[in-house]
Amino acid sequence: MRCSIFPSTPNDEITSYNLGEEAQQRIADLEQELQFARENLQATIEELETSNEELQATNEELLASNEELQSTNEELQSTNEELYTVNAEHQNKIIELTELNNDVDNLLTSSRIGTLLLDEDLEIRKFSPEITNIFHIMEKDIGRPVSHITHRLTGVNPVEMINAVQQTNRMIEQEVESTAGQHYLVRILPYAIGPSTYSGMVMTFIDITETKTIQDHLASSRQTALDISQFMPAGLFIYRQNRKGELLLEKCNPEAERLTGINLENSGGKRFEEIWPSADRHSLLDRLHTVMTTGEACYLEDFKYQDEHLSGAYRMHIFRLPEKRLAISFEDITERRRMSEAMEESESKYRSLFETMIQGVVYQDSDGRIFSANPAAEKILGLTFDQMRGVTSLDPRWRSVREDGSALNGEEHPAMVSLRTGQPVFGFIMGVFSPAFAGTKWILVNASPQFRKKEEKPFQVYTTFEDITDRYCLFTDCVKTPL
């Protein structure tokens, strides 16, 4: 086989080659391989075109997915913003709940009230510190049934009380006492979660020990006041003022009934003017209204009253009471006043006799000191009362002498003997120096001790004496000149 190779340019010469069968076979194989390569290339091109179309579709899908993702991202961004808002709201709610919880805790602590909160299963939810004085309870007991917790109450079972409230949904209020002697006002009521809807129980224990003590003291004071008013030796009327300003009889004690004949059965609720028809005439009603207006008590030492049924003199004490009430305490001093007048008259007679009698009278206390003397004593002794006041029989200025002229010791004076022995001394003659007379006065002395009830020692002595100088010197050689 001859093969020619043409030149690549026109000027080049053509070269011919003589190929053998082997070469021809090789060429045929190459051509076949070339054909196979072309077919593969064509298939590859077609596959690439198909892949390109698929990639194009995939790209379009990715673009669509990207748009969807972009939309989803926007939605997520919006959702995220909403979540931020919700989270902020929840954070605010958490803060509010925390504050509310703190407020509740502080309220439970500061109220000084024992509080126990139970859920619908009667298990402990919350409690205040004061409740530990009543129940043996600790923080770790939250969630335990209240029936498992022991208590310090006497005479009551709080679990039974809780069950009763749970069954009826009605509050129970009762005073209870602890083993330590503390008194509490317990209230048990349903835990309301809505109108007529309950879930659990609330128990409160208010310490009323001090209040109970005050109530007991008040009851005792009232009973004491009642006993005093019932048995006091003075009459007592209590009036209540109505809206019109009228005083209506509310109470009176037995002594008031005895003294006036007025009792509640017949006169209770009557106006003051009806009971005491002559009150206006004595200006008593005006005084009562003045006391009610000003609150200043009024004391009447000697109030004379007279009407058709009653007449007498009274000592009255008028004072205002709480709740627009007025008290009138009074004593009937009619007899006492009569006795006082009789005593004044008697004292006047005694004073007149004491001042005008010709005998001298001297009073000395238990120590012998002079504390009273009448004018006759001043004249006989030649001393004024001011000069004698406080002087005793032991004073040497008396220059006392016996009948025989010997000195008389102060202890032997009749007054001192009477004080010492408790016996009277009568008819004792002695001489005393009189500055006014400038000599010795002879006097006849009687001394009488005076005693208080149930006392054996005299508390004073009174001495009477008369001047017997002239008579005495007629029969004796007496000394009338200074010693």
Protein backbone atom coordinates (compact mmCIF):
# COMPACT_ATOMS: atom_id res chain seq x y z
CA MET A 1 0.00 0.00 0.00
CA ARG A 2 1.27 3.37 -0.86
CA CYS A 3 0.67 6.31 1.27
CA SER A 4 1.32 9.93 0.34
CA ILE A 5 1.87 12.70 2.86
CA PHE A 6 0.88 16.08 1.54
CA PRO A 7 2.88 19.11 2.50
CA SER A 8 1.51 21.56 5.00
CA THR A 9 2.27 24.48 2.67
CA PRO A 10 2.09 24.77 -1.12
CA ASN A 11 5.82 24.95 -1.49
CA ASP A 12 6.39 21.75 0.42
CA GLU A 13 6.88 18.54 -1.56
CA ILE A 14 4.57 15.57 -1.29
CA THR A 15 6.08 12.55 0.40
CA SER A 16 4.82 9.02 -0.33
CA TYR A 17 5.21 6.06 1.95
CA ASN A 18 4.53 2.38 1.18
CA LEU A 19 2.77 0.89 4.17
CA GLY A 20 2.52 -2.83 4.92
CA GLU A 21 -0.42 -4.85 6.17
CA GLU A 22 0.68 -4.49 9.68
CA ALA A 23 0.61 -0.79 9.41
CA GLN A 24 -2.74 -0.90 7.77
CA GLN A 25 -4.01 -3.00 10.59
CA ARG A 26 -2.64 -0.54 13.08
CA ILE A 27 -4.30 2.30 11.32
CA ALA A 28 -7.58 0.44 11.27
CA ASP A 29 -7.27 -0.14 15.01
CA LEU A 30 -6.51 3.51 15.61
CA GLU A 31 -9.42 4.58 13.51
CA GLN A 32 -11.62 2.22 15.43
CA GLU A 33 -10.29 3.56 18.73
CA LEU A 34 -10.80 7.05 17.41
CA GLN A 35 -14.33 6.20 16.54
CA PHE A 36 -14.87 4.73 19.97
CA ALA A 37 -13.34 7.81 21.56
CA ARG A 38 -15.60 10.02 19.50
CA GLU A 39 -18.60 8.03 20.59
CA ASN A 40 -17.48 8.20 24.20
CA LEU A 41 -16.88 11.89 23.83
CA GLN A 42 -20.30 12.32 22.34
CA ALA A 43 -21.81 10.32 25.18
CA THR A 44 -19.79 12.33 27.67
CA ILE A 45 -20.93 15.55 26.04
CA GLU A 46 -24.51 14.38 26.22
CA GLU A 47 -24.03 13.36 29.85
CA LEU A 48 -22.48 16.75 30.58
CA GLU A 49 -25.36 18.46 28.92
CA THR A 50 -27.75 16.33 30.95
CA SER A 51 -25.74 17.05 34.10
CA ASN A 52 -25.69 20.69 33.20
CA GLU A 53 -29.43 20.68 32.84
CA GLU A 54 -29.74 18.86 36.14
CA LEU A 55 -27.34 21.32 37.74
CA GLN A 56 -29.36 24.12 36.24
CA ALA A 57 -32.50 22.63 37.72
CA THR A 58 -30.70 22.06 40.99
CA ASN A 59 -29.47 25.63 40.93
CA GLU A 60 -32.98 26.82 40.33
CA GLU A 61 -34.15 24.65 43.18
CA LEU A 62 -31.33 25.98 45.36
CA LEU A 63 -32.34 29.49 44.43
CA ALA A 64 -35.91 28.69 45.35
CA SER A 65 -34.72 27.03 48.56
CA ASN A 66 -32.53 30.05 49.27
CA GLU A 67 -35.52 32.31 48.82
CA GLU A 68 -37.52 30.03 51.12
CA LEU A 69 -34.67 30.03 53.62
CA GLN A 70 -34.47 33.79 53.36
CA SER A 71 -38.18 33.98 54.05
CA THR A 72 -37.82 31.46 56.89
CA ASN A 73 -34.90 33.47 58.24
CA GLU A 74 -37.05 36.59 58.26
CA GLU A 75 -39.79 34.64 59.98
CA LEU A 76 -37.24 33.30 62.46
CA GLN A 77 -35.96 36.83 63.00
CA SER A 78 -39.50 37.97 63.65
CA THR A 79 -40.07 34.97 65.91
CA ASN A 80 -36.80 35.69 67.66
CA GLU A 81 -37.90 39.28 68.28
CA GLU A 82 -41.21 37.99 69.61
CA LEU A 83 -39.31 35.53 71.81
CA TYR A 84 -37.18 38.40 73.08
CA THR A 85 -40.34 40.32 73.89
CA VAL A 86 -41.95 37.28 75.52
CA ASN A 87 -38.73 36.58 77.40
CA ALA A 88 -38.64 40.18 78.64
CA GLU A 89 -42.27 39.85 79.71
CA HIS A 90 -41.48 36.56 81.42
CA GLN A 91 -38.48 38.16 83.08
CA ASN A 92 -40.72 40.96 84.34
CA LYS A 93 -43.22 38.34 85.52
CA ILE A 94 -40.42 36.48 87.28
CA ILE A 95 -39.31 39.72 88.95
CA GLU A 96 -42.93 40.48 89.95
CA LEU A 97 -43.38 36.93 91.23
CA THR A 98 -40.10 37.20 93.15
CA GLU A 99 -41.18 40.52 94.65
CA LEU A 100 -44.60 39.10 95.45
CA ASN A 101 -42.99 36.06 97.05
CA ASN A 102 -40.68 38.32 99.06
CA ASP A 103 -43.64 40.48 100.02
CA VAL A 104 -45.55 37.40 101.19
CA ASP A 105 -42.51 36.15 103.13
CA ASN A 106 -41.98 39.54 104.76
CA LEU A 107 -45.68 39.86 105.47
CA LEU A 108 -45.78 36.44 107.09
CA THR A 109 -42.67 37.27 109.12
CA SER A 110 -43.56 40.81 110.17
CA SER A 111 -47.24 40.18 110.92
CA ARG A 112 -46.31 38.13 113.99
CA ILE A 113 -49.23 35.87 113.10
CA GLY A 114 -48.80 32.13 112.84
CA THR A 115 -49.93 31.21 109.31
CA LEU A 116 -50.10 27.76 107.72
CA LEU A 117 -51.07 27.24 104.06
CA LEU A 118 -52.22 23.79 102.92
CA ASP A 119 -52.95 22.48 99.42
CA GLU A 120 -56.03 20.50 98.35
CA ASP A 121 -54.48 17.32 99.75
CA LEU A 122 -53.89 19.08 103.08
CA GLU A 123 -50.16 19.03 102.52
CA ILE A 124 -48.01 21.90 103.75
CA ARG A 125 -47.33 24.59 101.13
CA LYS A 126 -46.05 27.52 103.17
CA PHE A 127 -45.86 28.71 106.77
CA SER A 128 -44.75 31.72 108.79
CA PRO A 129 -42.05 31.62 111.50
CA GLU A 130 -44.61 32.12 114.29
CA ILE A 131 -46.34 28.83 113.46
CA THR A 132 -43.34 26.98 114.91
CA ASN A 133 -44.60 28.00 118.36
CA ILE A 134 -47.69 25.88 117.71
CA PHE A 135 -46.58 23.06 115.38
CA HIS A 136 -43.34 21.08 115.40
CA ILE A 137 -42.57 22.08 111.83
CA MET A 138 -39.41 22.73 109.77
CA GLU A 139 -38.61 23.79 106.20
CA LYS A 140 -38.11 20.19 105.13
CA ASP A 141 -41.71 19.43 106.16
CA ILE A 142 -43.08 21.35 103.17
CA GLY A 143 -45.04 18.83 101.09
CA ARG A 144 -45.86 16.60 104.07
CA PRO A 145 -49.47 16.04 105.19
CA VAL A 146 -50.42 18.24 108.13
CA SER A 147 -51.71 15.16 109.94
CA HIS A 148 -48.08 13.99 110.25
CA ILE A 149 -47.10 17.12 112.20
CA THR A 150 -47.49 17.23 116.00
CA HIS A 151 -48.77 20.35 117.75
CA ARG A 152 -48.64 22.12 121.12
CA LEU A 153 -52.36 22.85 121.56
CA THR A 154 -54.42 21.54 124.46
CA GLY A 155 -58.01 20.40 124.35
CA VAL A 156 -58.41 20.65 120.55
CA ASN A 157 -57.44 18.66 117.46
CA PRO A 158 -56.52 21.03 114.61
CA VAL A 159 -56.73 18.24 111.99
CA GLU A 160 -60.37 17.59 112.89
CA MET A 161 -61.07 21.32 112.65
CA ILE A 162 -59.42 21.42 109.20
CA ASN A 163 -61.48 18.46 108.00
CA ALA A 164 -64.66 20.14 109.22
CA VAL A 165 -63.84 23.30 107.23
CA GLN A 166 -62.95 21.22 104.16
CA GLN A 167 -66.33 19.52 104.27
CA THR A 168 -68.43 22.64 104.84
CA ASN A 169 -66.27 25.39 103.22
CA ARG A 170 -67.17 27.54 106.22
CA MET A 171 -64.68 29.37 108.39
CA ILE A 172 -64.05 28.20 111.97
CA GLU A 173 -62.92 30.72 114.59
CA GLN A 174 -62.03 29.55 118.09
CA GLU A 175 -59.86 30.50 121.06
CA VAL A 176 -57.28 27.85 121.95
CA GLU A 177 -54.50 27.47 124.48
CA SER A 178 -51.03 26.01 124.08
CA THR A 179 -49.15 23.80 126.51
CA ALA A 180 -46.97 26.85 127.32
CA GLY A 181 -50.05 28.75 128.53
CA GLN A 182 -50.25 31.05 125.48
CA HIS A 183 -53.73 31.92 124.19
CA TYR A 184 -54.45 32.10 120.46
CA LEU A 185 -57.38 33.05 118.25
CA VAL A 186 -57.36 30.41 115.50
CA ARG A 187 -59.12 30.95 112.17
CA ILE A 188 -59.41 28.17 109.59
CA LEU A 189 -60.92 29.01 106.21
CA PRO A 190 -60.84 27.60 102.67
CA TYR A 191 -58.12 28.79 100.28
CA ALA A 192 -60.10 30.60 97.58
CA ILE A 193 -58.87 30.47 93.97
CA GLY A 194 -62.02 31.92 92.44
CA PRO A 195 -65.66 32.70 93.17
CA SER A 196 -66.97 29.79 95.25
CA THR A 197 -63.88 27.80 94.21
CA TYR A 198 -61.45 26.54 96.82
CA SER A 199 -58.23 24.58 96.79
CA GLY A 200 -56.59 24.01 100.16
CA MET A 201 -56.80 25.63 103.59
CA VAL A 202 -55.47 28.69 105.40
CA MET A 203 -54.85 28.54 109.16
CA THR A 204 -53.96 31.64 111.20
CA PHE A 205 -53.04 31.82 114.88
CA ILE A 206 -53.15 35.26 116.51
CA ASP A 207 -51.48 35.52 119.92
CA ILE A 208 -54.13 37.01 122.22
CA THR A 209 -52.38 36.19 125.50
CA GLU A 210 -51.95 39.86 126.42
CA THR A 211 -55.48 40.66 125.26
CA LYS A 212 -56.80 37.70 127.27
CA THR A 213 -54.92 38.92 130.33
CA ILE A 214 -56.30 42.42 129.84
CA GLN A 215 -59.80 41.00 129.40
CA ASP A 216 -59.43 38.97 132.59
CA HIS A 217 -58.14 42.02 134.44
CA LEU A 218 -60.95 44.11 132.95
CA ALA A 219 -63.54 41.52 133.98
CA SER A 220 -61.99 41.40 137.43
CA SER A 221 -61.97 45.21 137.60
CA ARG A 222 -65.59 45.34 136.50
CA GLN A 223 -66.54 42.76 139.09
CA THR A 224 -64.55 44.68 141.71
CA ALA A 225 -66.25 47.93 140.69
CA LEU A 226 -69.62 46.17 140.84
CA ASP A 227 -68.84 44.74 144.26
CA ILE A 228 -67.66 48.14 145.48
CA SER A 229 -70.78 49.83 144.17
CA GLN A 230 -72.96 47.13 145.70
CA PHE A 231 -71.36 47.21 149.14
CA MET A 232 -69.99 50.75 149.40
CA PRO A 233 -71.50 52.78 152.28
CA ALA A 234 -72.34 55.62 149.88
CA GLY A 235 -75.18 55.84 147.39
CA LEU A 236 -74.38 55.69 143.68
CA PHE A 237 -76.55 56.70 140.73
CA ILE A 238 -75.39 56.32 137.10
CA TYR A 239 -77.17 58.25 134.35
CA ARG A 240 -76.85 57.91 130.58
CA GLN A 241 -77.18 60.92 128.29
CA ASN A 242 -79.40 60.41 125.23
CA ARG A 243 -79.24 62.28 121.92
CA LYS A 244 -81.49 65.00 123.27
CA GLY A 245 -79.04 65.66 126.11
CA GLU A 246 -81.41 64.23 128.74
CA LEU A 247 -79.99 62.23 131.64
CA LEU A 248 -81.74 58.88 132.06
CA LEU A 249 -81.25 56.66 135.11
CA GLU A 250 -79.24 53.56 134.16
CA LYS A 251 -77.97 52.04 137.41
CA CYS A 252 -78.07 52.49 141.16
CA ASN A 253 -76.58 50.57 144.05
CA PRO A 254 -78.42 49.17 147.12
CA GLU A 255 -77.26 52.03 149.37
CA ALA A 256 -78.76 54.57 146.96
CA GLU A 257 -82.07 52.67 147.09
CA ARG A 258 -81.92 52.59 150.88
CA LEU A 259 -81.13 56.28 151.24
CA THR A 260 -83.62 57.59 148.67
CA GLY A 261 -86.20 54.85 148.12
CA ILE A 262 -85.51 55.04 144.37
CA ASN A 263 -84.96 51.76 142.51
CA LEU A 264 -84.41 50.71 138.92
CA GLU A 265 -87.64 48.73 138.76
CA ASN A 266 -89.73 51.88 139.14
CA SER A 267 -87.36 54.61 137.95
CA GLY A 268 -84.99 52.97 135.45
CA GLY A 269 -84.88 54.94 132.19
CA LYS A 270 -86.64 57.97 133.66
CA ARG A 271 -85.31 61.48 133.18
CA PHE A 272 -83.38 63.10 136.00
CA GLU A 273 -86.01 65.84 136.32
CA GLU A 274 -88.77 63.27 136.82
CA ILE A 275 -86.89 61.55 139.63
CA TRP A 276 -85.72 64.75 141.32
CA PRO A 277 -88.49 67.33 140.81
CA SER A 278 -86.76 70.00 142.91
CA ALA A 279 -83.42 69.75 141.10
CA ASP A 280 -84.01 72.96 139.11
CA ARG A 281 -84.75 74.87 142.27
CA HIS A 282 -81.39 73.84 143.69
CA SER A 283 -79.47 74.42 140.37
CA LEU A 284 -78.36 70.78 140.49
CA LEU A 285 -79.30 69.95 136.90
CA ASP A 286 -77.15 72.80 135.55
CA ARG A 287 -74.18 71.48 137.47
CA LEU A 288 -74.69 68.00 136.04
CA HIS A 289 -74.75 69.32 132.48
CA THR A 290 -71.61 71.37 133.19
CA VAL A 291 -69.81 68.21 134.32
CA MET A 292 -70.96 66.36 131.19
CA THR A 293 -69.75 69.23 128.98
CA THR A 294 -66.40 70.02 130.61
CA GLY A 295 -65.50 66.66 132.12
CA GLU A 296 -64.46 68.39 135.35
CA ALA A 297 -65.71 66.66 138.49
CA CYS A 298 -67.90 68.55 140.91
CA TYR A 299 -67.78 68.13 144.70
CA LEU A 300 -70.57 69.43 146.93
CA GLU A 301 -69.68 69.27 150.60
CA ASP A 302 -73.11 70.14 152.03
CA PHE A 303 -75.96 70.02 149.51
CA LYS A 304 -79.45 70.46 150.94
CA TYR A 305 -82.32 68.93 148.98
CA GLN A 306 -86.04 68.75 149.69
CA ASP A 307 -89.12 67.61 147.78
CA GLU A 308 -92.35 65.81 148.63
CA HIS A 309 -90.64 62.49 149.27
CA LEU A 310 -87.11 63.32 150.34
CA SER A 311 -85.41 65.86 152.54
CA GLY A 312 -81.88 66.02 153.85
CA ALA A 313 -78.29 67.16 153.54
CA TYR A 314 -75.89 65.27 151.29
CA ARG A 315 -72.21 65.23 150.43
CA MET A 316 -72.03 64.66 146.67
CA HIS A 317 -69.31 63.81 144.16
CA ILE A 318 -70.34 64.17 140.50
CA PHE A 319 -68.06 62.94 137.71
CA ARG A 320 -68.28 61.95 134.05
CA LEU A 321 -67.90 58.36 132.85
CA PRO A 322 -67.08 57.05 129.35
CA GLU A 323 -69.81 56.53 126.76
CA LYS A 324 -71.78 59.65 127.76
CA ARG A 325 -72.55 58.52 131.28
CA LEU A 326 -72.58 60.42 134.56
CA ALA A 327 -72.02 59.11 138.09
CA ILE A 328 -73.31 60.71 141.27
CA SER A 329 -71.88 59.38 144.52
CA PHE A 330 -73.49 60.75 147.65
CA GLU A 331 -73.67 60.33 151.41
CA ASP A 332 -76.54 61.33 153.67
CA ILE A 333 -74.93 63.70 156.17
CA THR A 334 -78.17 64.90 157.71
CA GLU A 335 -77.52 63.17 161.04
CA ARG A 336 -73.83 63.96 160.87
CA ARG A 337 -74.64 67.58 160.18
CA ARG A 338 -77.03 67.65 163.14
CA MET A 339 -74.36 66.11 165.34
CA SER A 340 -71.78 68.54 164.00
CA GLU A 341 -74.03 71.46 164.81
CA ALA A 342 -74.62 70.02 168.29
CA MET A 343 -70.85 69.57 168.71
CA GLU A 344 -70.21 73.11 167.52
CA GLU A 345 -72.77 74.36 170.00
CA SER A 346 -71.24 72.24 172.74
CA GLU A 347 -67.76 73.39 171.80
CA SER A 348 -68.95 76.96 171.83
CA LYS A 349 -70.32 76.45 175.32
CA TYR A 350 -67.12 74.74 176.38
CA ARG A 351 -65.03 77.49 174.86
CA SER A 352 -67.14 80.11 176.58
CA LEU A 353 -66.76 78.27 179.87
CA PHE A 354 -63.03 77.73 179.25
CA GLU A 355 -62.53 81.43 178.52
CA THR A 356 -64.68 82.82 181.37
CA MET A 357 -64.20 80.43 184.29
CA ILE A 358 -62.25 81.83 187.28
CA GLN A 359 -60.19 78.65 187.67
CA GLY A 360 -57.06 78.35 185.64
CA VAL A 361 -56.89 75.46 183.14
CA VAL A 362 -53.70 74.19 181.54
CA TYR A 363 -53.35 71.28 179.06
CA GLN A 364 -50.04 69.42 178.78
CA ASP A 365 -49.03 66.67 176.34
CA SER A 366 -47.50 63.31 177.27
CA ASP A 367 -44.07 64.96 177.68
CA GLY A 368 -45.47 67.60 180.02
CA ARG A 369 -45.28 70.49 177.51
CA ILE A 370 -48.04 73.09 177.80
CA PHE A 371 -50.08 73.48 174.62
CA SER A 372 -53.23 75.21 175.90
CA ALA A 373 -54.16 77.58 178.75
CA ASN A 374 -57.17 79.75 179.49
CA PRO A 375 -57.15 83.45 180.43
CA ALA A 376 -57.63 82.64 184.16
CA ALA A 377 -54.42 80.56 184.06
CA GLU A 378 -52.58 83.50 182.48
CA LYS A 379 -53.88 85.83 185.22
CA ILE A 380 -53.13 83.49 188.14
CA LEU A 381 -49.65 82.52 186.91
CA GLY A 382 -48.79 86.03 185.71
CA LEU A 383 -47.68 84.70 182.30
CA THR A 384 -49.09 85.01 178.80
CA PHE A 385 -49.94 81.85 176.86
CA ASP A 386 -47.05 82.54 174.46
CA GLN A 387 -44.71 82.56 177.47
CA MET A 388 -46.13 79.25 178.70
CA ARG A 389 -46.38 77.45 175.35
CA GLY A 390 -43.97 74.49 175.23
CA VAL A 391 -42.78 74.93 178.83
CA THR A 392 -42.81 71.84 181.08
CA SER A 393 -43.24 71.39 184.82
CA LEU A 394 -39.53 70.64 185.01
CA ASP A 395 -38.60 74.24 184.13
CA PRO A 396 -36.82 75.77 187.18
CA ARG A 397 -38.38 79.18 186.50
CA TRP A 398 -41.56 77.95 188.21
CA ARG A 399 -39.70 78.04 191.61
CA SER A 400 -42.31 75.64 192.97
CA VAL A 401 -42.49 75.09 196.75
CA ARG A 402 -44.39 72.81 199.08
CA GLU A 403 -46.63 74.00 201.91
CA ASP A 404 -43.72 73.78 204.33
CA GLY A 405 -41.67 76.07 202.10
CA SER A 406 -39.30 73.41 200.79
CA ALA A 407 -38.54 73.22 197.05
CA LEU A 408 -40.92 71.11 194.92
CA ASN A 409 -39.19 69.08 192.23
CA GLY A 410 -40.80 69.34 188.78
CA GLU A 411 -41.34 65.58 188.73
CA GLU A 412 -43.59 65.99 191.79
CA HIS A 413 -45.91 68.51 190.18
CA PRO A 414 -49.48 67.09 190.08
CA ALA A 415 -49.55 67.07 186.24
CA MET A 416 -46.33 65.05 185.97
CA VAL A 417 -47.46 62.63 188.70
CA SER A 418 -50.76 62.11 186.89
CA LEU A 419 -48.95 61.47 183.56
CA ARG A 420 -46.54 59.06 185.23
CA THR A 421 -49.09 57.07 187.25
CA GLY A 422 -52.14 57.43 185.05
CA GLN A 423 -54.11 58.44 188.17
CA PRO A 424 -55.77 61.78 188.91
CA VAL A 425 -54.40 64.07 191.62
CA PHE A 426 -56.87 66.18 193.67
CA GLY A 427 -56.50 69.00 196.23
CA PHE A 428 -52.71 69.46 195.92
CA ILE A 429 -51.52 72.79 197.38
CA MET A 430 -48.31 74.27 196.03
CA GLY A 431 -46.65 77.62 195.59
CA VAL A 432 -45.30 78.97 192.28
CA PHE A 433 -43.41 82.12 191.51
CA SER A 434 -45.49 84.75 189.68
CA PRO A 435 -43.50 87.38 187.77
CA ALA A 436 -46.51 89.72 187.71
CA PHE A 437 -47.04 89.31 191.46
CA ALA A 438 -43.31 89.43 192.13
CA GLY A 439 -43.81 86.72 194.70
CA THR A 440 -45.27 83.30 195.41
CA LYS A 441 -48.81 82.42 194.42
CA TRP A 442 -50.47 79.60 196.34
CA ILE A 443 -52.73 77.46 194.20
CA LEU A 444 -55.03 74.48 194.78
CA VAL A 445 -54.34 72.01 191.95
CA ASN A 446 -56.33 69.11 190.43
CA ALA A 447 -54.76 67.06 187.60
CA SER A 448 -56.63 64.50 185.46
CA PRO A 449 -54.99 62.24 182.85
CA GLN A 450 -56.72 61.55 179.54
CA PHE A 451 -56.48 58.32 177.55
CA ARG A 452 -57.14 57.23 174.00
CA LYS A 453 -59.15 54.08 173.42
CA LYS A 454 -57.24 50.84 174.06
CA GLU A 455 -54.22 52.73 175.38
CA GLU A 456 -52.96 52.43 178.93
CA LYS A 457 -50.64 55.43 178.91
CA PRO A 458 -52.23 58.93 178.99
CA PHE A 459 -51.63 61.06 175.92
CA GLN A 460 -52.28 64.33 177.79
CA VAL A 461 -53.30 65.80 181.14
CA TYR A 462 -55.38 68.78 182.00
CA THR A 463 -54.83 70.68 185.23
CA THR A 464 -57.26 73.03 186.95
CA PHE A 465 -56.13 75.32 189.72
CA GLU A 466 -57.41 78.31 191.67
CA ASP A 467 -55.64 81.12 193.47
CA ILE A 468 -55.93 80.53 197.26
CA THR A 469 -53.15 82.92 198.27
CA ASP A 470 -55.37 85.23 200.31
CA ARG A 471 -57.26 82.45 202.05
CA TYR A 472 -54.13 80.40 202.63
CA CYS A 473 -52.24 83.31 204.18
CA LEU A 474 -55.05 84.02 206.67
CA PHE A 475 -54.38 80.74 208.39
CA THR A 476 -50.65 80.29 207.79
CA ASP A 477 -47.55 82.33 207.94
CA CYS A 478 -47.12 82.13 204.17
CA VAL A 479 -44.52 83.88 202.10
CA LYS A 480 -45.93 86.44 199.63
CA THR A 481 -42.68 88.15 198.84
CA PRO A 482 -40.06 86.99 196.37
CA LEU A 483 -38.02 83.97 197.39
